[in-house]
Amino acid sequence: MKRLLLNASAVAVLLVTIFPVYWMFLTAFKPTRDIQSDTPAFWPAHPTFDHFVTAVNAAGFWTYWRNSLLVTAAAVLAALLVALMASFAVARMRWRGRGAFVVAVFAAQMAPWEALLVPVFIIARDTDLLDSLAMLSGVYFMITLPFTIVTLRGFLAAIPPELEEAAQVDGCSRLAAFRRVIFPLLAPGLMATSLFGFITAWNEFAFVNVLIIKDQEQRTLPVWLSSFRDVFGTDWGATMAAASLFALPVLLLFLFLQRHVGTGMTAGAVKG
């Protein structure tokens, strides 16, 4: 009975959580007359792609899509590269100030991002980096880096150091041992952190709204989506279609990575 109640609670939470997403996709496929109907329909009787055509043909859609993809990919790749080296130094090496460094990383992770809006704006203004995608990528890199370091440090600490030592005994250098033994076992951690970083940077709204002021073509999809209703008035179908297209890359990335994230990190080493 206890397990039944827990499963029922989990299903209830799932339904409550997923219903707004379902309603967004549903509205995107409904004809306008069905969207404005007084009687809600939970399945489109006559699905249409007209709203998606309207959203894709809207001014600036592909420009903002490209901007979002560029800043997100740059931030995630840079954060993974730096965090990989930093987490290895924290998890495998002993050096003075290591504990203080870890505390500082945790403190940076706990700090609210909104508290950094004013300082980041002042820095961007004084360095003439307003309306710059490079500055936006740097901000997203700064946001995702602490979590990436903390997460990868946990994954590295869970990998037995004896595997690396055995590879070095067999003739590998420390770098070669890391590349041949540790790095493949670290794949689930890299996927998990890259997924979090992608979602964080892809959905971020506040910084791009503050840092991109004059050059509207340098903005990203979240800001474009926030003004989408003003462009189309009460066209809720096109608005929901645009929101669905905005959420689609994150959904596809999660579906691609989720089966790898939960795999055992050292299972391959034990079997091998």
Protein backbone atom coordinates (compact mmCIF):
# COMPACT_ATOMS: atom_id res chain seq x y z
CA MET A 1 0.00 0.00 0.00
CA LYS A 2 2.85 2.38 0.82
CA ARG A 3 4.49 1.74 -2.54
CA LEU A 4 1.15 2.20 -4.30
CA LEU A 5 0.64 5.56 -2.61
CA LEU A 6 4.15 6.68 -3.51
CA ASN A 7 3.68 5.70 -7.15
CA ALA A 8 0.29 7.44 -7.29
CA SER A 9 1.84 10.59 -5.82
CA ALA A 10 4.64 10.47 -8.38
CA VAL A 11 2.14 10.12 -11.23
CA ALA A 12 0.09 13.04 -9.86
CA VAL A 13 3.18 15.26 -9.65
CA LEU A 14 4.16 14.22 -13.18
CA LEU A 15 0.74 15.12 -14.58
CA VAL A 16 0.67 18.50 -12.86
CA THR A 17 4.18 19.27 -14.07
CA ILE A 18 3.78 18.14 -17.65
CA PHE A 19 0.27 19.50 -18.30
CA PRO A 20 1.36 23.11 -19.10
CA VAL A 21 3.90 21.76 -21.59
CA TYR A 22 1.26 19.52 -23.14
CA TRP A 23 -1.17 22.45 -23.37
CA MET A 24 1.49 24.57 -25.07
CA PHE A 25 2.08 21.97 -27.80
CA LEU A 26 -1.66 21.31 -28.05
CA THR A 27 -2.47 24.99 -28.57
CA ALA A 28 0.22 25.24 -31.22
CA PHE A 29 -1.60 22.63 -33.34
CA LYS A 30 -5.13 23.93 -32.79
CA PRO A 31 -6.89 26.13 -35.34
CA THR A 32 -7.56 29.66 -34.11
CA ARG A 33 -11.29 29.06 -33.78
CA ASP A 34 -10.67 26.10 -31.44
CA ILE A 35 -8.21 28.09 -29.32
CA GLN A 36 -10.80 30.81 -28.74
CA SER A 37 -13.62 28.35 -28.09
CA ASP A 38 -15.37 28.49 -24.70
CA THR A 39 -15.23 24.68 -24.47
CA PRO A 40 -11.65 23.44 -24.02
CA ALA A 41 -10.57 20.52 -26.19
CA PHE A 42 -7.81 18.25 -24.93
CA TRP A 43 -7.00 16.93 -28.38
CA PRO A 44 -6.95 18.87 -31.67
CA ALA A 45 -9.88 17.76 -33.82
CA HIS A 46 -8.36 19.40 -36.90
CA PRO A 47 -4.60 19.84 -36.31
CA THR A 48 -2.86 22.52 -38.33
CA PHE A 49 0.73 23.65 -38.94
CA ASP A 50 -0.26 27.19 -39.86
CA HIS A 51 0.89 28.60 -36.52
CA PHE A 52 4.35 27.06 -36.97
CA VAL A 53 4.62 28.60 -40.44
CA THR A 54 3.69 31.98 -38.96
CA ALA A 55 6.28 31.63 -36.21
CA VAL A 56 9.10 30.53 -38.53
CA ASN A 57 8.36 33.33 -40.99
CA ALA A 58 8.29 35.97 -38.26
CA ALA A 59 10.92 38.69 -38.49
CA GLY A 60 14.17 37.77 -36.78
CA PHE A 61 13.31 34.18 -35.91
CA TRP A 62 16.32 32.55 -37.57
CA THR A 63 18.67 35.36 -36.47
CA TYR A 64 17.72 34.94 -32.84
CA TRP A 65 17.86 31.15 -33.19
CA ARG A 66 21.42 31.41 -34.49
CA ASN A 67 22.40 33.80 -31.68
CA SER A 68 20.99 31.48 -29.02
CA LEU A 69 22.80 28.50 -30.49
CA LEU A 70 26.13 30.34 -30.75
CA VAL A 71 26.21 31.77 -27.21
CA THR A 72 24.91 28.54 -25.67
CA ALA A 73 27.41 26.28 -27.45
CA ALA A 74 30.32 28.62 -26.71
CA ALA A 75 29.44 28.89 -23.02
CA VAL A 76 28.89 25.15 -22.54
CA LEU A 77 32.08 24.09 -24.34
CA ALA A 78 34.22 26.66 -22.51
CA ALA A 79 32.71 25.70 -19.14
CA LEU A 80 33.33 21.99 -19.79
CA LEU A 81 36.95 22.59 -20.79
CA VAL A 82 37.82 24.80 -17.81
CA ALA A 83 35.79 22.76 -15.31
CA LEU A 84 37.40 19.52 -16.47
CA MET A 85 40.86 20.82 -15.61
CA ALA A 86 39.74 22.47 -12.37
CA SER A 87 37.80 19.45 -11.13
CA PHE A 88 40.72 17.14 -11.89
CA ALA A 89 43.05 19.38 -9.90
CA VAL A 90 40.62 19.41 -6.97
CA ALA A 91 39.79 15.70 -7.01
CA ARG A 92 43.22 14.21 -7.77
CA MET A 93 45.85 16.67 -6.55
CA ARG A 94 46.85 18.04 -3.16
CA TRP A 95 47.80 21.71 -3.10
CA ARG A 96 47.63 24.63 -0.73
CA GLY A 97 44.32 26.46 -0.83
CA ARG A 98 42.36 23.55 -2.31
CA GLY A 99 39.73 23.65 0.44
CA ALA A 100 39.30 27.40 0.10
CA PHE A 101 38.93 27.03 -3.66
CA VAL A 102 36.16 24.45 -3.24
CA VAL A 103 34.36 26.69 -0.74
CA ALA A 104 34.62 29.62 -3.15
CA VAL A 105 33.17 27.52 -5.97
CA PHE A 106 30.25 26.44 -3.76
CA ALA A 107 29.66 30.05 -2.73
CA ALA A 108 29.62 31.14 -6.37
CA GLN A 109 27.13 28.39 -7.14
CA MET A 110 24.82 29.49 -4.31
CA ALA A 111 24.91 33.20 -5.25
CA PRO A 112 21.76 34.34 -7.11
CA TRP A 113 22.46 35.28 -10.71
CA GLU A 114 20.23 38.35 -10.50
CA ALA A 115 22.62 39.89 -7.94
CA LEU A 116 25.26 40.04 -10.69
CA LEU A 117 23.17 42.02 -13.17
CA VAL A 118 24.35 45.47 -12.11
CA PRO A 119 28.08 44.63 -11.76
CA VAL A 120 28.10 42.76 -15.07
CA PHE A 121 26.33 45.66 -16.79
CA ILE A 122 28.87 48.15 -15.42
CA ILE A 123 31.78 45.96 -16.56
CA ALA A 124 30.26 45.53 -20.03
CA ARG A 125 29.61 49.25 -20.32
CA ASP A 126 33.11 50.27 -19.21
CA THR A 127 34.77 47.74 -21.54
CA ASP A 128 32.54 48.66 -24.48
CA LEU A 129 31.09 45.13 -24.64
CA LEU A 130 27.41 45.99 -24.56
CA ASP A 131 25.40 44.54 -27.47
CA SER A 132 28.03 41.82 -27.85
CA LEU A 133 27.43 38.10 -28.16
CA ALA A 134 30.95 37.51 -26.86
CA MET A 135 30.06 39.23 -23.58
CA LEU A 136 26.85 37.24 -23.38
CA SER A 137 28.75 33.99 -23.90
CA GLY A 138 31.18 35.01 -21.16
CA VAL A 139 28.33 35.67 -18.75
CA TYR A 140 26.74 32.29 -19.46
CA PHE A 141 30.15 30.68 -19.03
CA MET A 142 30.45 32.38 -15.64
CA ILE A 143 26.98 31.16 -14.63
CA THR A 144 27.46 27.52 -15.60
CA LEU A 145 31.09 27.10 -14.53
CA PRO A 146 30.63 26.64 -10.72
CA PHE A 147 27.99 23.92 -11.12
CA THR A 148 30.09 22.19 -13.76
CA ILE A 149 33.15 22.13 -11.49
CA VAL A 150 31.17 20.81 -8.52
CA THR A 151 29.47 18.11 -10.57
CA LEU A 152 32.58 16.90 -12.40
CA ARG A 153 34.51 16.87 -9.12
CA GLY A 154 31.94 14.44 -7.73
CA PHE A 155 32.17 12.20 -10.78
CA LEU A 156 35.98 12.22 -10.68
CA ALA A 157 36.05 11.45 -6.96
CA ALA A 158 33.85 8.40 -7.60
CA ILE A 159 36.32 6.94 -10.13
CA PRO A 160 38.94 4.81 -8.33
CA PRO A 161 42.39 6.40 -8.66
CA GLU A 162 43.85 2.89 -8.90
CA LEU A 163 42.65 2.73 -12.50
CA GLU A 164 44.77 5.73 -13.40
CA GLU A 165 47.72 4.42 -11.42
CA ALA A 166 47.50 1.05 -13.17
CA ALA A 167 47.61 2.77 -16.55
CA GLN A 168 50.69 4.73 -15.49
CA VAL A 169 52.37 1.50 -14.35
CA ASP A 170 51.68 0.08 -17.81
CA GLY A 171 53.60 2.96 -19.35
CA CYS A 172 51.06 5.73 -19.84
CA SER A 173 51.90 9.28 -18.85
CA ARG A 174 49.48 11.05 -16.51
CA LEU A 175 47.88 12.85 -19.43
CA ALA A 176 47.61 9.63 -21.47
CA ALA A 177 46.13 7.79 -18.49
CA PHE A 178 43.53 10.49 -18.10
CA ARG A 179 42.70 10.48 -21.80
CA ARG A 180 42.54 6.69 -22.19
CA VAL A 181 41.07 5.61 -18.84
CA ILE A 182 39.48 8.47 -16.88
CA PHE A 183 37.96 10.48 -19.70
CA PRO A 184 35.79 7.64 -21.11
CA LEU A 185 34.48 6.87 -17.60
CA LEU A 186 33.70 10.54 -17.13
CA ALA A 187 31.32 10.62 -20.10
CA PRO A 188 28.11 10.46 -17.98
CA GLY A 189 29.29 13.43 -15.92
CA LEU A 190 30.19 15.42 -19.01
CA MET A 191 26.77 14.73 -20.51
CA ALA A 192 24.91 15.65 -17.32
CA THR A 193 26.77 18.92 -16.88
CA SER A 194 26.53 19.84 -20.55
CA LEU A 195 22.77 19.26 -20.41
CA PHE A 196 22.42 21.54 -17.38
CA GLY A 197 24.63 24.19 -18.96
CA PHE A 198 22.70 24.06 -22.22
CA ILE A 199 19.33 24.43 -20.48
CA THR A 200 20.62 27.29 -18.31
CA ALA A 201 22.12 29.28 -21.17
CA TRP A 202 19.33 28.51 -23.64
CA ASN A 203 16.56 29.71 -21.32
CA GLU A 204 18.34 32.70 -19.76
CA PHE A 205 16.44 35.97 -20.15
CA ALA A 206 17.59 38.61 -17.65
CA PHE A 207 21.19 39.11 -18.78
CA VAL A 208 20.45 39.28 -22.49
CA ASN A 209 17.68 41.77 -21.78
CA VAL A 210 20.13 43.99 -19.85
CA LEU A 211 23.32 43.59 -21.92
CA ILE A 212 21.79 43.79 -25.41
CA ILE A 213 20.26 47.26 -25.56
CA LYS A 214 20.65 48.94 -28.94
CA ASP A 215 21.48 46.20 -31.42
CA GLN A 216 18.30 44.12 -31.45
CA GLU A 217 19.79 41.63 -33.90
CA GLN A 218 22.18 40.46 -31.17
CA ARG A 219 19.38 39.25 -28.91
CA THR A 220 18.42 35.63 -28.34
CA LEU A 221 15.24 33.59 -28.54
CA PRO A 222 13.90 34.19 -24.99
CA VAL A 223 13.75 37.95 -25.54
CA TRP A 224 12.26 37.50 -29.00
CA LEU A 225 9.64 35.18 -27.56
CA SER A 226 8.72 37.68 -24.85
CA SER A 227 7.89 40.27 -27.53
CA PHE A 228 6.22 37.77 -29.84
CA ARG A 229 2.74 38.43 -28.48
CA ASP A 230 3.11 42.16 -29.09
CA VAL A 231 3.90 41.48 -32.74
CA PHE A 232 0.97 39.16 -33.33
CA GLY A 233 -1.54 40.62 -30.88
CA THR A 234 -3.90 37.88 -29.73
CA ASP A 235 -2.51 35.20 -32.01
CA TRP A 236 -2.02 32.63 -29.24
CA GLY A 237 -1.53 29.82 -31.72
CA ALA A 238 1.56 31.45 -33.23
CA THR A 239 2.82 32.35 -29.76
CA MET A 240 2.53 28.75 -28.55
CA ALA A 241 4.08 27.46 -31.78
CA ALA A 242 7.06 29.76 -31.24
CA ALA A 243 7.35 28.58 -27.62
CA SER A 244 7.22 24.95 -28.80
CA LEU A 245 10.01 25.56 -31.30
CA PHE A 246 11.99 27.27 -28.55
CA ALA A 247 11.61 24.27 -26.22
CA LEU A 248 12.26 21.64 -28.89
CA PRO A 249 16.11 21.72 -28.91
CA VAL A 250 16.29 21.24 -25.14
CA LEU A 251 13.79 18.40 -25.32
CA LEU A 252 15.68 16.66 -28.11
CA LEU A 253 19.00 17.08 -26.32
CA PHE A 254 17.55 15.63 -23.13
CA LEU A 255 16.08 12.64 -24.97
CA PHE A 256 19.45 12.04 -26.63
CA LEU A 257 21.50 12.26 -23.43
CA GLN A 258 19.20 10.92 -20.72
CA ARG A 259 19.95 7.25 -21.39
CA HIS A 260 23.67 7.91 -20.95
CA VAL A 261 23.49 10.08 -17.84
CA GLY A 262 22.25 7.32 -15.55
CA THR A 263 24.79 4.71 -16.56
CA GLY A 264 27.37 3.52 -14.08
CA MET A 265 30.60 5.44 -14.33
CA THR A 266 32.98 2.61 -13.47
CA ALA A 267 30.95 -0.33 -14.77
CA GLY A 268 33.06 -0.54 -17.91
CA ALA A 269 36.29 -0.56 -15.93
CA VAL A 270 35.08 -3.36 -13.66
CA LYS A 271 33.90 -5.45 -16.58
CA GLY A 272 37.09 -4.80 -18.53
